[in-house]
Amino acid sequence: NIQLYNWDRALELAVKHKTHVDTVLGHRQKFLARFDKPETNKRYLQYKEGVEIDWTNITSKIEMEYQKERERPSGGGSATNTTTTGLSTTSRSISIKP
């Protein structure tokens, strides 16, 4: 949802699963900064106050998620997922279960 700029859904899922809220907030912050825009979404403003954006921690959590994906048994076809973190872009292959 972040890659599709579906910010509301991305935050909704992060809050629902109680993980990666900082990741969503951080990427939203970078997105707005790129266009020199202030945050106007009330939900983002609310969560922003209580969450620290630490890119080292965010990058570590993302890498741990990819590690979990690699350790899962393959259950079907695979797709390529391209993720942008910081200034580098990496492609990783993930399994999609039917």
N, C-alpha and C. Protein backbone atom coordinates (compact mmCIF):
# COMPACT_ATOMS: atom_id res chain seq x y z
N ASN A 1 0.81 -1.20 0.00
CA ASN A 1 0.00 0.00 0.00
C ASN A 1 0.86 1.27 0.00
N ILE A 2 2.03 1.19 0.60
CA ILE A 2 2.93 2.35 0.58
C ILE A 2 3.37 2.61 -0.85
N GLN A 3 3.75 1.55 -1.58
CA GLN A 3 4.21 1.72 -2.95
C GLN A 3 3.12 2.26 -3.86
N LEU A 4 1.88 2.01 -3.51
CA LEU A 4 0.75 2.51 -4.29
C LEU A 4 0.26 3.86 -3.78
N TYR A 5 0.94 4.39 -2.78
CA TYR A 5 0.57 5.66 -2.14
C TYR A 5 -0.85 5.60 -1.58
N ASN A 6 -1.25 4.40 -1.12
CA ASN A 6 -2.54 4.24 -0.46
C ASN A 6 -2.27 4.40 1.03
N TRP A 7 -2.02 5.64 1.43
CA TRP A 7 -1.54 5.95 2.77
C TRP A 7 -2.53 5.60 3.87
N ASP A 8 -3.80 5.84 3.65
CA ASP A 8 -4.78 5.55 4.69
C ASP A 8 -4.84 4.05 4.97
N ARG A 9 -4.84 3.26 3.92
CA ARG A 9 -4.89 1.80 4.08
C ARG A 9 -3.60 1.28 4.72
N ALA A 10 -2.47 1.83 4.33
CA ALA A 10 -1.19 1.41 4.91
C ALA A 10 -1.17 1.67 6.42
N LEU A 11 -1.62 2.84 6.83
CA LEU A 11 -1.65 3.15 8.26
C LEU A 11 -2.67 2.26 8.98
N GLU A 12 -3.82 2.04 8.36
CA GLU A 12 -4.85 1.19 8.95
C GLU A 12 -4.31 -0.21 9.22
N LEU A 13 -3.61 -0.79 8.26
CA LEU A 13 -3.05 -2.13 8.42
C LEU A 13 -1.95 -2.15 9.48
N ALA A 14 -1.10 -1.14 9.49
CA ALA A 14 -0.02 -1.09 10.48
C ALA A 14 -0.59 -1.00 11.90
N VAL A 15 -1.62 -0.19 12.08
CA VAL A 15 -2.24 -0.05 13.39
C VAL A 15 -2.96 -1.35 13.77
N LYS A 16 -3.68 -1.93 12.83
CA LYS A 16 -4.42 -3.17 13.08
C LYS A 16 -3.49 -4.28 13.54
N HIS A 17 -2.33 -4.40 12.87
CA HIS A 17 -1.39 -5.47 13.17
C HIS A 17 -0.35 -5.05 14.21
N LYS A 18 -0.45 -3.82 14.67
CA LYS A 18 0.44 -3.28 15.71
C LYS A 18 1.91 -3.43 15.35
N THR A 19 2.23 -3.21 14.10
CA THR A 19 3.61 -3.27 13.65
C THR A 19 3.79 -2.37 12.43
N HIS A 20 4.98 -1.87 12.26
CA HIS A 20 5.37 -1.03 11.12
C HIS A 20 4.64 0.31 11.06
N VAL A 21 4.09 0.77 12.18
CA VAL A 21 3.48 2.11 12.19
C VAL A 21 4.56 3.14 11.89
N ASP A 22 5.75 2.96 12.48
CA ASP A 22 6.85 3.89 12.22
C ASP A 22 7.29 3.83 10.76
N THR A 23 7.22 2.66 10.16
CA THR A 23 7.59 2.50 8.75
C THR A 23 6.65 3.32 7.86
N VAL A 24 5.36 3.18 8.09
CA VAL A 24 4.37 3.92 7.30
C VAL A 24 4.53 5.42 7.52
N LEU A 25 4.66 5.82 8.78
CA LEU A 25 4.81 7.25 9.07
C LEU A 25 6.08 7.81 8.44
N GLY A 26 7.16 7.06 8.50
CA GLY A 26 8.43 7.51 7.93
C GLY A 26 8.36 7.68 6.42
N HIS A 27 7.77 6.71 5.75
CA HIS A 27 7.66 6.80 4.29
C HIS A 27 6.70 7.92 3.88
N ARG A 28 5.65 8.11 4.65
CA ARG A 28 4.73 9.23 4.37
C ARG A 28 5.46 10.56 4.54
N GLN A 29 6.26 10.65 5.60
CA GLN A 29 7.03 11.87 5.87
C GLN A 29 8.00 12.17 4.71
N LYS A 30 8.69 11.14 4.22
CA LYS A 30 9.60 11.31 3.08
C LYS A 30 8.84 11.75 1.83
N PHE A 31 7.69 11.14 1.60
CA PHE A 31 6.86 11.46 0.45
C PHE A 31 6.46 12.94 0.47
N LEU A 32 5.96 13.39 1.62
CA LEU A 32 5.53 14.79 1.74
C LEU A 32 6.71 15.75 1.63
N ALA A 33 7.84 15.38 2.19
CA ALA A 33 9.04 16.23 2.13
C ALA A 33 9.50 16.41 0.68
N ARG A 34 9.37 15.35 -0.11
CA ARG A 34 9.79 15.41 -1.51
C ARG A 34 9.01 16.49 -2.27
N PHE A 35 7.77 16.73 -1.87
CA PHE A 35 6.94 17.73 -2.53
C PHE A 35 6.78 19.00 -1.70
N ASP A 36 7.57 19.07 -0.62
CA ASP A 36 7.56 20.23 0.27
C ASP A 36 6.15 20.55 0.76
N LYS A 37 5.46 19.50 1.22
CA LYS A 37 4.08 19.62 1.70
C LYS A 37 4.03 19.31 3.19
N PRO A 38 3.19 20.01 3.94
CA PRO A 38 3.01 19.68 5.36
C PRO A 38 2.01 18.53 5.51
N GLU A 39 2.07 17.85 6.63
CA GLU A 39 1.10 16.79 6.91
C GLU A 39 -0.23 17.43 7.28
N THR A 40 -1.32 16.98 6.66
CA THR A 40 -2.65 17.52 6.95
C THR A 40 -3.62 16.43 7.39
N ASN A 41 -3.25 15.17 7.23
CA ASN A 41 -4.12 14.06 7.59
C ASN A 41 -4.14 13.93 9.12
N LYS A 42 -5.32 14.02 9.71
CA LYS A 42 -5.45 14.02 11.17
C LYS A 42 -4.94 12.73 11.80
N ARG A 43 -5.18 11.59 11.16
CA ARG A 43 -4.70 10.32 11.72
C ARG A 43 -3.18 10.28 11.74
N TYR A 44 -2.56 10.76 10.67
CA TYR A 44 -1.10 10.77 10.64
C TYR A 44 -0.54 11.73 11.67
N LEU A 45 -1.17 12.86 11.82
CA LEU A 45 -0.72 13.82 12.84
C LEU A 45 -0.85 13.22 14.24
N GLN A 46 -1.92 12.49 14.48
CA GLN A 46 -2.15 11.86 15.78
C GLN A 46 -1.06 10.83 16.09
N TYR A 47 -0.80 9.94 15.16
CA TYR A 47 0.19 8.88 15.39
C TYR A 47 1.62 9.43 15.39
N LYS A 48 1.85 10.46 14.62
CA LYS A 48 3.19 11.05 14.52
C LYS A 48 3.69 11.54 15.87
N GLU A 49 2.78 12.03 16.71
CA GLU A 49 3.16 12.56 18.02
C GLU A 49 3.73 11.49 18.94
N GLY A 50 3.27 10.25 18.81
CA GLY A 50 3.69 9.21 19.73
C GLY A 50 4.71 8.23 19.18
N VAL A 51 5.16 8.43 17.95
CA VAL A 51 6.06 7.46 17.32
C VAL A 51 7.33 8.16 16.85
N GLU A 52 8.47 7.56 17.20
CA GLU A 52 9.76 8.10 16.75
C GLU A 52 10.13 7.44 15.42
N ILE A 53 10.58 8.24 14.47
CA ILE A 53 10.99 7.72 13.16
C ILE A 53 12.50 7.47 13.22
N ASP A 54 12.88 6.22 13.33
CA ASP A 54 14.29 5.80 13.41
C ASP A 54 14.56 4.90 12.21
N TRP A 55 15.23 5.44 11.19
CA TRP A 55 15.40 4.70 9.95
C TRP A 55 16.24 3.45 10.12
N THR A 56 17.16 3.43 11.07
CA THR A 56 17.94 2.23 11.32
C THR A 56 17.01 1.12 11.81
N ASN A 57 16.13 1.45 12.72
CA ASN A 57 15.17 0.49 13.25
C ASN A 57 14.18 0.05 12.16
N ILE A 58 13.71 0.98 11.36
CA ILE A 58 12.77 0.67 10.28
C ILE A 58 13.41 -0.30 9.28
N THR A 59 14.63 0.00 8.88
CA THR A 59 15.33 -0.85 7.92
C THR A 59 15.55 -2.25 8.49
N SER A 60 15.87 -2.32 9.78
CA SER A 60 16.06 -3.63 10.42
C SER A 60 14.77 -4.43 10.44
N LYS A 61 13.65 -3.78 10.76
CA LYS A 61 12.37 -4.48 10.79
C LYS A 61 11.98 -4.98 9.40
N ILE A 62 12.22 -4.18 8.39
CA ILE A 62 11.90 -4.59 7.02
C ILE A 62 12.75 -5.80 6.64
N GLU A 63 14.03 -5.75 6.97
CA GLU A 63 14.92 -6.87 6.64
C GLU A 63 14.49 -8.14 7.39
N MET A 64 14.04 -8.00 8.64
CA MET A 64 13.56 -9.17 9.39
C MET A 64 12.32 -9.76 8.73
N GLU A 65 11.44 -8.91 8.20
CA GLU A 65 10.25 -9.39 7.50
C GLU A 65 10.64 -10.19 6.25
N TYR A 66 11.63 -9.68 5.50
CA TYR A 66 12.10 -10.40 4.32
C TYR A 66 12.73 -11.72 4.71
N GLN A 67 13.46 -11.74 5.83
CA GLN A 67 14.08 -12.97 6.31
C GLN A 67 12.99 -14.01 6.65
N LYS A 68 11.92 -13.58 7.30
CA LYS A 68 10.81 -14.48 7.61
C LYS A 68 10.21 -15.05 6.33
N GLU A 69 10.05 -14.19 5.31
CA GLU A 69 9.50 -14.64 4.02
C GLU A 69 10.40 -15.70 3.39
N ARG A 70 11.72 -15.50 3.47
CA ARG A 70 12.65 -16.46 2.88
C ARG A 70 12.62 -17.80 3.60
N GLU A 71 12.32 -17.77 4.92
CA GLU A 71 12.33 -19.00 5.71
C GLU A 71 11.03 -19.79 5.59
N ARG A 72 9.97 -19.17 5.11
CA ARG A 72 8.70 -19.87 4.96
C ARG A 72 8.81 -20.90 3.85
N PRO A 73 8.13 -22.04 4.03
CA PRO A 73 8.13 -23.01 2.94
C PRO A 73 7.37 -22.46 1.74
N SER A 74 7.85 -22.79 0.58
CA SER A 74 7.22 -22.31 -0.65
C SER A 74 5.86 -22.98 -0.80
N GLY A 75 4.85 -22.14 -1.13
CA GLY A 75 3.51 -22.71 -1.22
C GLY A 75 2.83 -22.43 -2.53
N GLY A 76 3.54 -22.18 -3.55
CA GLY A 76 2.89 -21.90 -4.83
C GLY A 76 3.78 -21.08 -5.71
N GLY A 77 3.16 -20.18 -6.45
CA GLY A 77 3.90 -19.32 -7.37
C GLY A 77 4.71 -18.29 -6.62
N SER A 78 5.52 -17.58 -7.34
CA SER A 78 6.29 -16.52 -6.70
C SER A 78 6.14 -15.25 -7.53
N ALA A 79 6.36 -14.15 -6.86
CA ALA A 79 6.27 -12.84 -7.51
C ALA A 79 7.46 -12.02 -7.06
N THR A 80 7.77 -11.01 -7.80
CA THR A 80 8.86 -10.13 -7.42
C THR A 80 8.29 -8.90 -6.77
N ASN A 81 8.83 -8.55 -5.63
CA ASN A 81 8.40 -7.38 -4.87
C ASN A 81 9.55 -6.41 -4.83
N THR A 82 9.37 -5.21 -5.36
CA THR A 82 10.42 -4.21 -5.35
C THR A 82 10.12 -3.21 -4.25
N THR A 83 11.12 -2.99 -3.39
CA THR A 83 10.94 -2.11 -2.25
C THR A 83 12.01 -1.02 -2.27
N THR A 84 11.60 0.19 -1.94
CA THR A 84 12.54 1.29 -1.83
C THR A 84 12.69 1.65 -0.37
N THR A 85 13.91 1.57 0.12
CA THR A 85 14.19 1.98 1.49
C THR A 85 15.35 2.96 1.44
N GLY A 86 15.13 4.12 2.01
CA GLY A 86 16.18 5.13 1.97
C GLY A 86 16.45 5.52 0.55
N LEU A 87 17.72 5.48 0.16
CA LEU A 87 18.10 5.89 -1.18
C LEU A 87 18.32 4.70 -2.12
N SER A 88 18.34 3.50 -1.56
CA SER A 88 18.61 2.34 -2.41
C SER A 88 17.32 1.61 -2.74
N THR A 89 17.30 0.97 -3.89
CA THR A 89 16.16 0.18 -4.32
C THR A 89 16.63 -1.25 -4.46
N THR A 90 15.92 -2.18 -3.83
CA THR A 90 16.27 -3.58 -3.92
C THR A 90 15.07 -4.38 -4.36
N SER A 91 15.31 -5.45 -5.09
CA SER A 91 14.24 -6.35 -5.49
C SER A 91 14.41 -7.65 -4.74
N ARG A 92 13.32 -8.18 -4.25
CA ARG A 92 13.35 -9.43 -3.53
C ARG A 92 12.21 -10.29 -4.07
N SER A 93 12.43 -11.58 -4.09
CA SER A 93 11.41 -12.49 -4.54
C SER A 93 10.66 -13.02 -3.34
N ILE A 94 9.32 -12.96 -3.40
CA ILE A 94 8.51 -13.47 -2.30
C ILE A 94 7.54 -14.50 -2.84
N SER A 95 7.16 -15.44 -1.99
CA SER A 95 6.19 -16.46 -2.39
C SER A 95 4.79 -15.96 -2.11
N ILE A 96 3.89 -16.26 -3.01
CA ILE A 96 2.47 -15.92 -2.83
C ILE A 96 1.72 -17.23 -2.74
N LYS A 97 1.05 -17.43 -1.61
CA LYS A 97 0.29 -18.66 -1.42
C LYS A 97 -1.10 -18.50 -2.01
N PRO A 98 -1.57 -19.52 -2.71
CA PRO A 98 -2.91 -19.43 -3.33
C PRO A 98 -4.02 -19.41 -2.31
